[in-house]
PDB file of all heavy atoms in Angstrom:
ATOM      1  N   LEU A   1      56.542  45.867 154.890  1.00  0.00           N
ATOM      2  CA  LEU A   1      57.959  46.191 155.151  1.00  0.00           C
ATOM      3  C   LEU A   1      58.238  47.298 156.064  1.00  0.00           C
ATOM      4  O   LEU A   1      59.159  47.100 156.993  1.00  0.00           O
ATOM      5  CB  LEU A   1      58.679  46.487 153.799  1.00  0.00           C
ATOM      6  CG  LEU A   1      60.098  46.612 153.862  1.00  0.00           C
ATOM      7  CD1 LEU A   1      60.797  45.322 154.401  1.00  0.00           C
ATOM      8  CD2 LEU A   1      60.744  46.924 152.544  1.00  0.00           C
ATOM      9  N   PRO A   2      57.478  48.378 156.108  1.00  0.00           N
ATOM     10  CA  PRO A   2      57.829  49.468 157.067  1.00  0.00           C
ATOM     11  C   PRO A   2      57.934  49.054 158.490  1.00  0.00           C
ATOM     12  O   PRO A   2      58.892  49.291 159.235  1.00  0.00           O
ATOM     13  CB  PRO A   2      56.732  50.576 156.774  1.00  0.00           C
ATOM     14  CG  PRO A   2      56.348  50.324 155.348  1.00  0.00           C
ATOM     15  CD  PRO A   2      56.400  48.819 155.190  1.00  0.00           C
ATOM     16  N   TRP A   3      56.884  48.270 158.924  1.00  0.00           N
ATOM     17  CA  TRP A   3      56.849  47.841 160.415  1.00  0.00           C
ATOM     18  C   TRP A   3      57.932  46.807 160.559  1.00  0.00           C
ATOM     19  O   TRP A   3      58.585  46.775 161.634  1.00  0.00           O
ATOM     20  CB  TRP A   3      55.516  47.308 160.777  1.00  0.00           C
ATOM     21  CG  TRP A   3      55.600  46.891 162.223  1.00  0.00           C
ATOM     22  CD1 TRP A   3      55.578  47.618 163.320  1.00  0.00           C
ATOM     23  CD2 TRP A   3      55.705  45.428 162.705  1.00  0.00           C
ATOM     24  NE1 TRP A   3      55.607  46.775 164.508  1.00  0.00           N
ATOM     25  CE2 TRP A   3      55.800  45.523 164.030  1.00  0.00           C
ATOM     26  CE3 TRP A   3      55.688  44.287 162.044  1.00  0.00           C
ATOM     27  CZ2 TRP A   3      55.886  44.396 164.884  1.00  0.00           C
ATOM     28  CZ3 TRP A   3      55.928  43.104 162.833  1.00  0.00           C
ATOM     29  CH2 TRP A   3      55.979  43.193 164.170  1.00  0.00           C
ATOM     30  N   ILE A   4      58.163  45.898 159.631  1.00  0.00           N
ATOM     31  CA  ILE A   4      59.109  44.884 159.767  1.00  0.00           C
ATOM     32  C   ILE A   4      60.537  45.468 160.000  1.00  0.00           C
ATOM     33  O   ILE A   4      61.315  45.099 160.786  1.00  0.00           O
ATOM     34  CB  ILE A   4      59.120  43.870 158.554  1.00  0.00           C
ATOM     35  CG1 ILE A   4      57.903  43.080 158.504  1.00  0.00           C
ATOM     36  CG2 ILE A   4      60.377  42.916 158.663  1.00  0.00           C
ATOM     37  CD1 ILE A   4      57.745  42.057 159.678  1.00  0.00           C
ATOM     38  N   ALA A   5      60.747  46.546 159.154  1.00  0.00           N
ATOM     39  CA  ALA A   5      62.017  47.242 159.197  1.00  0.00           C
ATOM     40  C   ALA A   5      62.222  47.977 160.638  1.00  0.00           C
ATOM     41  O   ALA A   5      63.283  47.885 161.277  1.00  0.00           O
ATOM     42  CB  ALA A   5      62.154  48.252 158.082  1.00  0.00           C
ATOM     43  N   LEU A   6      61.140  48.555 161.054  1.00  0.00           N
ATOM     44  CA  LEU A   6      61.126  49.241 162.345  1.00  0.00           C
ATOM     45  C   LEU A   6      61.399  48.321 163.537  1.00  0.00           C
ATOM     46  O   LEU A   6      62.231  48.580 164.351  1.00  0.00           O
ATOM     47  CB  LEU A   6      59.924  50.079 162.544  1.00  0.00           C
ATOM     48  CG  LEU A   6      59.718  51.452 161.729  1.00  0.00           C
ATOM     49  CD1 LEU A   6      58.390  52.025 161.898  1.00  0.00           C
ATOM     50  CD2 LEU A   6      60.777  52.341 162.203  1.00  0.00           C
ATOM     51  N   ILE A   7      60.677  47.215 163.526  1.00  0.00           N
ATOM     52  CA  ILE A   7      60.705  46.295 164.642  1.00  0.00           C
ATOM     53  C   ILE A   7      61.999  45.552 164.716  1.00  0.00           C
ATOM     54  O   ILE A   7      62.641  45.254 165.718  1.00  0.00           O
ATOM     55  CB  ILE A   7      59.517  45.372 164.776  1.00  0.00           C
ATOM     56  CG1 ILE A   7      59.546  44.601 166.065  1.00  0.00           C
ATOM     57  CG2 ILE A   7      59.578  44.371 163.580  1.00  0.00           C
ATOM     58  CD1 ILE A   7      59.302  45.439 167.292  1.00  0.00           C
ATOM     59  N   SER A   8      62.570  45.260 163.482  1.00  0.00           N
ATOM     60  CA  SER A   8      63.836  44.539 163.348  1.00  0.00           C
ATOM     61  C   SER A   8      64.952  45.477 163.903  1.00  0.00           C
ATOM     62  O   SER A   8      65.864  45.006 164.626  1.00  0.00           O
ATOM     63  CB  SER A   8      64.127  44.194 161.898  1.00  0.00           C
ATOM     64  OG  SER A   8      63.193  43.290 161.443  1.00  0.00           O
ATOM     65  N   TRP A   9      64.884  46.823 163.610  1.00  0.00           N
ATOM     66  CA  TRP A   9      65.838  47.726 164.093  1.00  0.00           C
ATOM     67  C   TRP A   9      65.724  47.875 165.639  1.00  0.00           C
ATOM     68  O   TRP A   9      66.686  47.836 166.314  1.00  0.00           O
ATOM     69  CB  TRP A   9      65.630  49.082 163.397  1.00  0.00           C
ATOM     70  CG  TRP A   9      66.446  50.188 164.036  1.00  0.00           C
ATOM     71  CD1 TRP A   9      67.785  50.442 163.946  1.00  0.00           C
ATOM     72  CD2 TRP A   9      65.845  51.255 164.835  1.00  0.00           C
ATOM     73  NE1 TRP A   9      68.119  51.532 164.657  1.00  0.00           N
ATOM     74  CE2 TRP A   9      67.007  52.040 165.165  1.00  0.00           C
ATOM     75  CE3 TRP A   9      64.637  51.514 165.259  1.00  0.00           C
ATOM     76  CZ2 TRP A   9      66.819  53.243 166.011  1.00  0.00           C
ATOM     77  CZ3 TRP A   9      64.486  52.668 166.140  1.00  0.00           C
ATOM     78  CH2 TRP A   9      65.555  53.492 166.470  1.00  0.00           C
ATOM     79  N   LYS A  10      64.466  48.045 166.078  1.00  0.00           N
ATOM     80  CA  LYS A  10      64.274  48.366 167.483  1.00  0.00           C
ATOM     81  C   LYS A  10      64.570  47.089 168.363  1.00  0.00           C
ATOM     82  O   LYS A  10      64.953  47.288 169.463  1.00  0.00           O
ATOM     83  CB  LYS A  10      62.756  48.727 167.648  1.00  0.00           C
ATOM     84  CG  LYS A  10      62.496  49.306 169.150  1.00  0.00           C
ATOM     85  CD  LYS A  10      61.227  50.175 169.159  1.00  0.00           C
ATOM     86  CE  LYS A  10      61.147  50.816 170.495  1.00  0.00           C
ATOM     87  NZ  LYS A  10      60.008  51.787 170.560  1.00  0.00           N
ATOM     88  N   SER A  11      64.330  45.934 167.811  1.00  0.00           N
ATOM     89  CA  SER A  11      64.581  44.726 168.655  1.00  0.00           C
ATOM     90  C   SER A  11      65.936  44.130 168.420  1.00  0.00           C
ATOM     91  O   SER A  11      66.249  43.013 168.926  1.00  0.00           O
ATOM     92  CB  SER A  11      63.507  43.740 168.306  1.00  0.00           C
ATOM     93  OG  SER A  11      63.603  43.148 166.976  1.00  0.00           O
ATOM     94  N   GLY A  12      66.782  44.673 167.521  1.00  0.00           N
ATOM     95  CA  GLY A  12      68.020  44.132 167.120  1.00  0.00           C
ATOM     96  C   GLY A  12      67.957  42.787 166.510  1.00  0.00           C
ATOM     97  O   GLY A  12      68.841  41.875 166.654  1.00  0.00           O
ATOM     98  N   GLY A  13      66.838  42.597 165.745  1.00  0.00           N
ATOM     99  CA  GLY A  13      66.717  41.329 165.019  1.00  0.00           C
ATOM    100  C   GLY A  13      65.941  40.273 165.775  1.00  0.00           C
ATOM    101  O   GLY A  13      65.724  39.201 165.250  1.00  0.00           O
ATOM    102  N   ALA A  14      65.597  40.580 167.086  1.00  0.00           N
ATOM    103  CA  ALA A  14      64.966  39.610 167.898  1.00  0.00           C
ATOM    104  C   ALA A  14      63.550  39.150 167.475  1.00  0.00           C
ATOM    105  O   ALA A  14      63.165  38.067 167.619  1.00  0.00           O
ATOM    106  CB  ALA A  14      64.910  40.115 169.313  1.00  0.00           C
ATOM    107  N   PHE A  15      62.863  40.147 166.828  1.00  0.00           N
ATOM    108  CA  PHE A  15      61.504  39.822 166.366  1.00  0.00           C
ATOM    109  C   PHE A  15      61.515  38.686 165.303  1.00  0.00           C
ATOM    110  O   PHE A  15      60.796  37.684 165.534  1.00  0.00           O
ATOM    111  CB  PHE A  15      60.798  40.994 165.728  1.00  0.00           C
ATOM    112  CG  PHE A  15      59.530  40.700 165.064  1.00  0.00           C
ATOM    113  CD1 PHE A  15      58.428  40.431 165.772  1.00  0.00           C
ATOM    114  CD2 PHE A  15      59.456  40.601 163.646  1.00  0.00           C
ATOM    115  CE1 PHE A  15      57.188  40.113 165.139  1.00  0.00           C
ATOM    116  CE2 PHE A  15      58.238  40.168 163.060  1.00  0.00           C
ATOM    117  CZ  PHE A  15      57.164  39.942 163.812  1.00  0.00           C
ATOM    118  N   LEU A  16      62.310  38.741 164.281  1.00  0.00           N
ATOM    119  CA  LEU A  16      62.382  37.701 163.229  1.00  0.00           C
ATOM    120  C   LEU A  16      62.848  36.470 163.821  1.00  0.00           C
ATOM    121  O   LEU A  16      62.365  35.392 163.473  1.00  0.00           O
ATOM    122  CB  LEU A  16      63.226  38.211 162.076  1.00  0.00           C
ATOM    123  CG  LEU A  16      62.627  39.312 161.219  1.00  0.00           C
ATOM    124  CD1 LEU A  16      63.586  39.761 160.219  1.00  0.00           C
ATOM    125  CD2 LEU A  16      61.354  38.855 160.597  1.00  0.00           C
ATOM    126  N   GLN A  17      63.862  36.588 164.774  1.00  0.00           N
ATOM    127  CA  GLN A  17      64.353  35.292 165.351  1.00  0.00           C
ATOM    128  C   GLN A  17      63.235  34.584 166.167  1.00  0.00           C
ATOM    129  O   GLN A  17      63.148  33.374 166.120  1.00  0.00           O
ATOM    130  CB  GLN A  17      65.520  35.678 166.292  1.00  0.00           C
ATOM    131  CG  GLN A  17      66.208  34.449 166.931  1.00  0.00           C
ATOM    132  CD  GLN A  17      67.380  34.803 167.875  1.00  0.00           C
ATOM    133  OE1 GLN A  17      67.705  36.043 167.906  1.00  0.00           O
ATOM    134  NE2 GLN A  17      67.963  33.830 168.404  1.00  0.00           N
ATOM    135  N   GLN A  18      62.527  35.402 166.943  1.00  0.00           N
ATOM    136  CA  GLN A  18      61.464  34.719 167.815  1.00  0.00           C
ATOM    137  C   GLN A  18      60.284  34.350 166.975  1.00  0.00           C
ATOM    138  O   GLN A  18      59.712  33.254 167.182  1.00  0.00           O
ATOM    139  CB  GLN A  18      61.081  35.650 169.027  1.00  0.00           C
ATOM    140  CG  GLN A  18      60.188  35.064 169.945  1.00  0.00           C
ATOM    141  CD  GLN A  18      59.979  35.917 171.175  1.00  0.00           C
ATOM    142  OE1 GLN A  18      60.869  36.806 171.494  1.00  0.00           O
ATOM    143  NE2 GLN A  18      58.934  35.762 171.952  1.00  0.00           N
ATOM    144  N   ALA A  19      59.810  35.275 166.173  1.00  0.00           N
ATOM    145  CA  ALA A  19      58.480  35.011 165.411  1.00  0.00           C
ATOM    146  C   ALA A  19      58.694  33.922 164.404  1.00  0.00           C
ATOM    147  O   ALA A  19      57.815  33.014 164.292  1.00  0.00           O
ATOM    148  CB  ALA A  19      58.007  36.287 164.748  1.00  0.00           C
ATOM    149  N   VAL A  20      59.712  33.916 163.645  1.00  0.00           N
ATOM    150  CA  VAL A  20      60.002  32.919 162.633  1.00  0.00           C
ATOM    151  C   VAL A  20      60.732  31.739 163.060  1.00  0.00           C
ATOM    152  O   VAL A  20      60.287  30.599 162.999  1.00  0.00           O
ATOM    153  CB  VAL A  20      60.685  33.615 161.417  1.00  0.00           C
ATOM    154  CG1 VAL A  20      60.903  32.515 160.300  1.00  0.00           C
ATOM    155  CG2 VAL A  20      59.885  34.749 160.833  1.00  0.00           C
ATOM    156  N   GLY A  21      61.942  32.022 163.696  1.00  0.00           N
ATOM    157  CA  GLY A  21      62.762  30.916 164.196  1.00  0.00           C
ATOM    158  C   GLY A  21      62.210  30.085 165.303  1.00  0.00           C
ATOM    159  O   GLY A  21      62.374  28.829 165.225  1.00  0.00           O
ATOM    160  N   LYS A  22      61.555  30.720 166.154  1.00  0.00           N
ATOM    161  CA  LYS A  22      61.033  29.958 167.405  1.00  0.00           C
ATOM    162  C   LYS A  22      59.543  29.672 167.269  1.00  0.00           C
ATOM    163  O   LYS A  22      59.167  28.464 167.327  1.00  0.00           O
ATOM    164  CB  LYS A  22      61.329  30.788 168.618  1.00  0.00           C
ATOM    165  CG  LYS A  22      60.897  30.083 169.892  1.00  0.00           C
ATOM    166  CD  LYS A  22      61.133  30.941 171.154  1.00  0.00           C
ATOM    167  CE  LYS A  22      60.630  30.272 172.421  1.00  0.00           C
ATOM    168  NZ  LYS A  22      60.972  31.061 173.684  1.00  0.00           N
ATOM    169  N   ASP A  23      58.725  30.629 167.045  1.00  0.00           N
ATOM    170  CA  ASP A  23      57.295  30.413 166.983  1.00  0.00           C
ATOM    171  C   ASP A  23      56.805  29.614 165.919  1.00  0.00           C
ATOM    172  O   ASP A  23      56.264  28.503 166.057  1.00  0.00           O
ATOM    173  CB  ASP A  23      56.596  31.729 167.174  1.00  0.00           C
ATOM    174  CG  ASP A  23      55.083  31.578 167.357  1.00  0.00           C
ATOM    175  OD1 ASP A  23      54.663  31.066 168.445  1.00  0.00           O
ATOM    176  OD2 ASP A  23      54.235  31.919 166.420  1.00  0.00           O
ATOM    177  N   MET A  24      56.982  30.129 164.671  1.00  0.00           N
ATOM    178  CA  MET A  24      56.473  29.435 163.519  1.00  0.00           C
ATOM    179  C   MET A  24      57.196  28.104 163.188  1.00  0.00           C
ATOM    180  O   MET A  24      56.541  27.065 163.020  1.00  0.00           O
ATOM    181  CB  MET A  24      56.566  30.353 162.215  1.00  0.00           C
ATOM    182  CG  MET A  24      55.911  29.817 160.971  1.00  0.00           C
ATOM    183  SD  MET A  24      55.939  30.973 159.622  1.00  0.00           S
ATOM    184  CE  MET A  24      57.675  30.840 159.146  1.00  0.00           C
ATOM    185  N   LEU A  25      58.556  28.134 163.021  1.00  0.00           N
ATOM    186  CA  LEU A  25      59.241  26.929 162.776  1.00  0.00           C
ATOM    187  C   LEU A  25      59.151  25.890 163.825  1.00  0.00           C
ATOM    188  O   LEU A  25      59.162  24.663 163.662  1.00  0.00           O
ATOM    189  CB  LEU A  25      60.734  27.256 162.404  1.00  0.00           C
ATOM    190  CG  LEU A  25      60.900  28.092 161.110  1.00  0.00           C
ATOM    191  CD1 LEU A  25      62.412  28.317 160.831  1.00  0.00           C
ATOM    192  CD2 LEU A  25      60.222  27.429 159.900  1.00  0.00           C
ATOM    193  N   GLY A  26      59.108  26.420 165.049  1.00  0.00           N
ATOM    194  CA  GLY A  26      58.964  25.478 166.261  1.00  0.00           C
ATOM    195  C   GLY A  26      57.677  24.710 166.144  1.00  0.00           C
ATOM    196  O   GLY A  26      57.616  23.506 166.454  1.00  0.00           O
ATOM    197  N   LYS A  27      56.573  25.307 165.739  1.00  0.00           N
ATOM    198  CA  LYS A  27      55.316  24.672 165.685  1.00  0.00           C
ATOM    199  C   LYS A  27      55.275  23.648 164.526  1.00  0.00           C
ATOM    200  O   LYS A  27      54.571  22.639 164.649  1.00  0.00           O
ATOM    201  CB  LYS A  27      54.206  25.713 165.433  1.00  0.00           C
ATOM    202  CG  LYS A  27      53.901  26.551 166.730  1.00  0.00           C
ATOM    203  CD  LYS A  27      52.860  27.673 166.461  1.00  0.00           C
ATOM    204  CE  LYS A  27      52.573  28.389 167.667  1.00  0.00           C
ATOM    205  NZ  LYS A  27      51.561  29.530 167.498  1.00  0.00           N
TER     206      LYS A  27
END
């Protein structure tokens, strides 16, 4: 959780959108 929280804040939510929404679900 600590890194997920930090990267979500720093990327404005882009990390979860790209990693989960695009990369994982896309595959």
